[in-house]
């Protein structure tokens, strides 16, 4: 799958940034794990708007980079999982 088809070059920087933020949130005990994707979605949309300016495309890019971040996290968790 070629992410470049869907996620613009400018927004790609948000994927590792959101991943790191997600790991920091995960290590805090004050926030329940089920809220992490919602928080990352909000931050992803804000980040995309900050990079690309306010537009519908920015919101879509924020959603896409958040999805890519959560998907990457799940790939890492599943590949490290011992059965």
N, C-alpha and C. Protein backbone atom coordinates (compact mmCIF):
# COMPACT_ATOMS: atom_id res chain seq x y z
N UNK A 1 0.85 -1.17 0.00
CA UNK A 1 0.00 0.00 0.00
C UNK A 1 0.89 1.24 0.00
N UNK A 2 0.60 2.16 -0.85
CA UNK A 2 1.37 3.39 -0.96
C UNK A 2 0.62 4.50 -0.24
N UNK A 3 1.12 4.85 0.96
CA UNK A 3 0.46 5.89 1.74
C UNK A 3 0.49 7.24 1.04
N UNK A 4 1.44 7.44 0.15
CA UNK A 4 1.57 8.72 -0.54
C UNK A 4 0.33 9.03 -1.39
N UNK A 5 -0.42 8.01 -1.75
CA UNK A 5 -1.65 8.23 -2.50
C UNK A 5 -2.70 8.94 -1.65
N UNK A 6 -2.68 8.70 -0.36
CA UNK A 6 -3.74 9.19 0.51
C UNK A 6 -3.30 10.29 1.46
N UNK A 7 -2.10 10.15 1.99
CA UNK A 7 -1.60 11.12 2.96
C UNK A 7 -0.57 12.02 2.28
N UNK A 8 -0.77 13.31 2.38
CA UNK A 8 0.15 14.25 1.73
C UNK A 8 1.51 14.23 2.43
N UNK A 9 2.52 14.61 1.69
CA UNK A 9 3.89 14.62 2.20
C UNK A 9 4.02 15.46 3.46
N UNK A 10 3.35 16.60 3.49
CA UNK A 10 3.44 17.49 4.66
C UNK A 10 2.89 16.85 5.92
N UNK A 11 1.86 16.03 5.79
CA UNK A 11 1.20 15.46 6.96
C UNK A 11 1.89 14.20 7.49
N UNK A 12 2.83 13.64 6.75
CA UNK A 12 3.50 12.41 7.19
C UNK A 12 4.25 12.58 8.50
N UNK A 13 4.74 13.76 8.77
CA UNK A 13 5.48 14.01 10.01
C UNK A 13 4.61 13.81 11.24
N UNK A 14 3.30 13.90 11.06
CA UNK A 14 2.39 13.73 12.19
C UNK A 14 2.32 12.29 12.68
N UNK A 15 2.60 11.32 11.82
CA UNK A 15 2.49 9.91 12.23
C UNK A 15 3.45 9.59 13.38
N UNK A 16 4.76 9.82 13.24
CA UNK A 16 5.63 9.53 14.39
C UNK A 16 5.36 10.44 15.59
N UNK A 17 4.97 11.68 15.32
CA UNK A 17 4.66 12.59 16.43
C UNK A 17 3.47 12.08 17.24
N UNK A 18 2.42 11.66 16.55
CA UNK A 18 1.25 11.13 17.24
C UNK A 18 1.56 9.81 17.95
N UNK A 19 2.42 9.01 17.34
CA UNK A 19 2.82 7.74 17.96
C UNK A 19 3.51 7.99 19.30
N UNK A 20 4.42 8.95 19.31
CA UNK A 20 5.14 9.29 20.54
C UNK A 20 4.17 9.84 21.59
N UNK A 21 3.28 10.73 21.17
CA UNK A 21 2.29 11.28 22.10
C UNK A 21 1.42 10.15 22.66
N UNK A 22 1.03 9.22 21.82
CA UNK A 22 0.22 8.09 22.27
C UNK A 22 0.95 7.23 23.30
N UNK A 23 2.25 7.02 23.09
CA UNK A 23 3.03 6.24 24.04
C UNK A 23 3.16 6.98 25.38
N UNK A 24 3.32 8.29 25.32
CA UNK A 24 3.40 9.08 26.55
C UNK A 24 2.08 9.01 27.31
N UNK A 25 0.97 9.16 26.59
CA UNK A 25 -0.35 9.08 27.23
C UNK A 25 -0.56 7.69 27.82
N UNK A 26 -0.13 6.66 27.11
CA UNK A 26 -0.29 5.28 27.57
C UNK A 26 0.43 5.06 28.90
N UNK A 27 1.58 5.71 29.06
CA UNK A 27 2.36 5.52 30.28
C UNK A 27 1.86 6.34 31.46
N UNK A 28 0.91 7.23 31.23
CA UNK A 28 0.29 7.95 32.35
C UNK A 28 -0.90 7.14 32.82
N UNK A 29 -1.11 7.14 34.10
CA UNK A 29 -2.21 6.34 34.64
C UNK A 29 -3.50 7.14 34.79
N UNK A 30 -3.45 8.42 34.46
CA UNK A 30 -4.63 9.27 34.64
C UNK A 30 -5.64 9.14 33.51
N UNK A 31 -5.21 8.68 32.35
CA UNK A 31 -6.09 8.60 31.18
C UNK A 31 -6.32 7.14 30.84
N UNK A 32 -7.58 6.77 30.72
CA UNK A 32 -7.96 5.42 30.35
C UNK A 32 -7.53 5.13 28.91
N UNK A 33 -7.07 3.90 28.65
CA UNK A 33 -6.57 3.52 27.32
C UNK A 33 -7.60 3.68 26.22
N UNK A 34 -8.88 3.53 26.55
CA UNK A 34 -9.90 3.61 25.51
C UNK A 34 -10.04 5.02 24.94
N UNK A 35 -9.53 6.03 25.66
CA UNK A 35 -9.62 7.41 25.18
C UNK A 35 -8.42 7.84 24.34
N UNK A 36 -7.38 7.04 24.30
CA UNK A 36 -6.17 7.42 23.57
C UNK A 36 -6.44 7.66 22.09
N UNK A 37 -7.14 6.78 21.37
CA UNK A 37 -7.40 7.06 19.94
C UNK A 37 -8.19 8.34 19.71
N UNK A 38 -9.12 8.65 20.61
CA UNK A 38 -9.91 9.88 20.47
C UNK A 38 -9.03 11.11 20.67
N UNK A 39 -8.16 11.04 21.66
CA UNK A 39 -7.23 12.15 21.91
C UNK A 39 -6.30 12.32 20.72
N UNK A 40 -5.78 11.20 20.19
CA UNK A 40 -4.89 11.27 19.03
C UNK A 40 -5.62 11.81 17.81
N UNK A 41 -6.89 11.46 17.65
CA UNK A 41 -7.67 11.99 16.53
C UNK A 41 -7.77 13.51 16.63
N UNK A 42 -8.10 14.00 17.80
CA UNK A 42 -8.20 15.44 18.01
C UNK A 42 -6.86 16.13 17.71
N UNK A 43 -5.77 15.56 18.23
CA UNK A 43 -4.45 16.15 18.01
C UNK A 43 -4.01 16.03 16.55
N UNK A 44 -4.37 14.92 15.90
CA UNK A 44 -4.04 14.74 14.49
C UNK A 44 -4.72 15.77 13.61
N UNK A 45 -5.99 16.02 13.88
CA UNK A 45 -6.73 17.03 13.11
C UNK A 45 -6.15 18.42 13.37
N UNK A 46 -5.87 18.73 14.64
CA UNK A 46 -5.26 20.03 14.95
C UNK A 46 -3.90 20.18 14.29
N UNK A 47 -3.11 19.11 14.32
CA UNK A 47 -1.79 19.16 13.69
C UNK A 47 -1.87 19.37 12.19
N UNK A 48 -2.80 18.67 11.55
CA UNK A 48 -2.96 18.83 10.10
C UNK A 48 -3.45 20.24 9.75
N UNK A 49 -4.35 20.77 10.56
CA UNK A 49 -4.80 22.15 10.33
C UNK A 49 -3.64 23.11 10.53
N UNK A 50 -2.81 22.85 11.52
CA UNK A 50 -1.65 23.70 11.76
C UNK A 50 -0.66 23.67 10.61
N UNK A 51 -0.50 22.53 9.98
CA UNK A 51 0.45 22.39 8.87
C UNK A 51 -0.14 22.90 7.56
N UNK A 52 -1.39 22.54 7.29
CA UNK A 52 -1.98 22.79 5.98
C UNK A 52 -2.96 23.95 5.95
N UNK A 53 -3.31 24.48 7.10
CA UNK A 53 -4.31 25.54 7.14
C UNK A 53 -5.70 24.95 7.30
N UNK A 54 -6.65 25.77 7.71
CA UNK A 54 -8.01 25.27 7.94
C UNK A 54 -8.72 24.94 6.62
N UNK A 55 -9.06 23.68 6.47
CA UNK A 55 -9.81 23.23 5.30
C UNK A 55 -10.35 21.83 5.57
N UNK A 56 -11.26 21.40 4.74
CA UNK A 56 -11.80 20.04 4.86
C UNK A 56 -10.69 19.02 4.61
N UNK A 57 -9.81 19.32 3.66
CA UNK A 57 -8.70 18.40 3.37
C UNK A 57 -7.80 18.22 4.59
N UNK A 58 -7.60 19.27 5.36
CA UNK A 58 -6.78 19.17 6.57
C UNK A 58 -7.42 18.21 7.58
N UNK A 59 -8.73 18.31 7.74
CA UNK A 59 -9.44 17.42 8.65
C UNK A 59 -9.30 15.97 8.18
N UNK A 60 -9.47 15.75 6.89
CA UNK A 60 -9.33 14.40 6.34
C UNK A 60 -7.91 13.89 6.54
N UNK A 61 -6.92 14.73 6.31
CA UNK A 61 -5.53 14.32 6.53
C UNK A 61 -5.28 13.99 8.00
N UNK A 62 -5.86 14.76 8.90
CA UNK A 62 -5.73 14.47 10.32
C UNK A 62 -6.31 13.12 10.69
N UNK A 63 -7.45 12.80 10.11
CA UNK A 63 -8.08 11.49 10.34
C UNK A 63 -7.20 10.38 9.78
N UNK A 64 -6.66 10.58 8.59
CA UNK A 64 -5.82 9.55 7.96
C UNK A 64 -4.53 9.31 8.72
N UNK A 65 -3.87 10.37 9.17
CA UNK A 65 -2.61 10.16 9.90
C UNK A 65 -2.88 9.52 11.26
N UNK A 66 -4.00 9.84 11.87
CA UNK A 66 -4.35 9.19 13.14
C UNK A 66 -4.61 7.70 12.91
N UNK A 67 -5.32 7.38 11.84
CA UNK A 67 -5.56 5.98 11.51
C UNK A 67 -4.27 5.24 11.25
N UNK A 68 -3.35 5.86 10.53
CA UNK A 68 -2.06 5.24 10.25
C UNK A 68 -1.26 5.04 11.53
N UNK A 69 -1.37 5.99 12.45
CA UNK A 69 -0.66 5.88 13.73
C UNK A 69 -1.19 4.72 14.56
N UNK A 70 -2.49 4.64 14.69
CA UNK A 70 -3.10 3.56 15.49
C UNK A 70 -2.83 2.21 14.83
N UNK A 71 -2.90 2.16 13.50
CA UNK A 71 -2.61 0.92 12.77
C UNK A 71 -1.16 0.49 12.99
N UNK A 72 -0.24 1.44 12.93
CA UNK A 72 1.17 1.14 13.17
C UNK A 72 1.37 0.60 14.58
N UNK A 73 0.72 1.21 15.55
CA UNK A 73 0.81 0.74 16.93
C UNK A 73 0.32 -0.69 17.05
N UNK A 74 -0.78 -1.01 16.40
CA UNK A 74 -1.31 -2.37 16.47
C UNK A 74 -0.39 -3.38 15.77
N UNK A 75 0.20 -2.97 14.65
CA UNK A 75 1.16 -3.86 13.97
C UNK A 75 2.34 -4.18 14.87
N UNK A 76 2.85 -3.18 15.55
CA UNK A 76 3.98 -3.39 16.45
C UNK A 76 3.58 -4.29 17.61
N UNK A 77 2.43 -4.04 18.20
CA UNK A 77 1.97 -4.86 19.32
C UNK A 77 1.76 -6.31 18.91
N UNK A 78 1.15 -6.52 17.75
CA UNK A 78 0.86 -7.88 17.31
C UNK A 78 2.12 -8.63 16.89
N UNK A 79 3.09 -7.92 16.31
CA UNK A 79 4.31 -8.60 15.89
C UNK A 79 5.20 -8.96 17.08
N UNK A 80 5.07 -8.23 18.17
CA UNK A 80 5.86 -8.52 19.38
C UNK A 80 5.15 -9.48 20.32
N UNK A 81 3.92 -9.79 20.03
CA UNK A 81 3.10 -10.64 20.90
C UNK A 81 3.60 -12.09 20.83
N UNK A 82 3.81 -12.67 22.00
CA UNK A 82 4.25 -14.07 22.06
C UNK A 82 3.04 -14.95 22.28
N UNK A 83 2.99 -16.01 21.54
CA UNK A 83 1.84 -16.93 21.65
C UNK A 83 2.23 -18.21 22.31
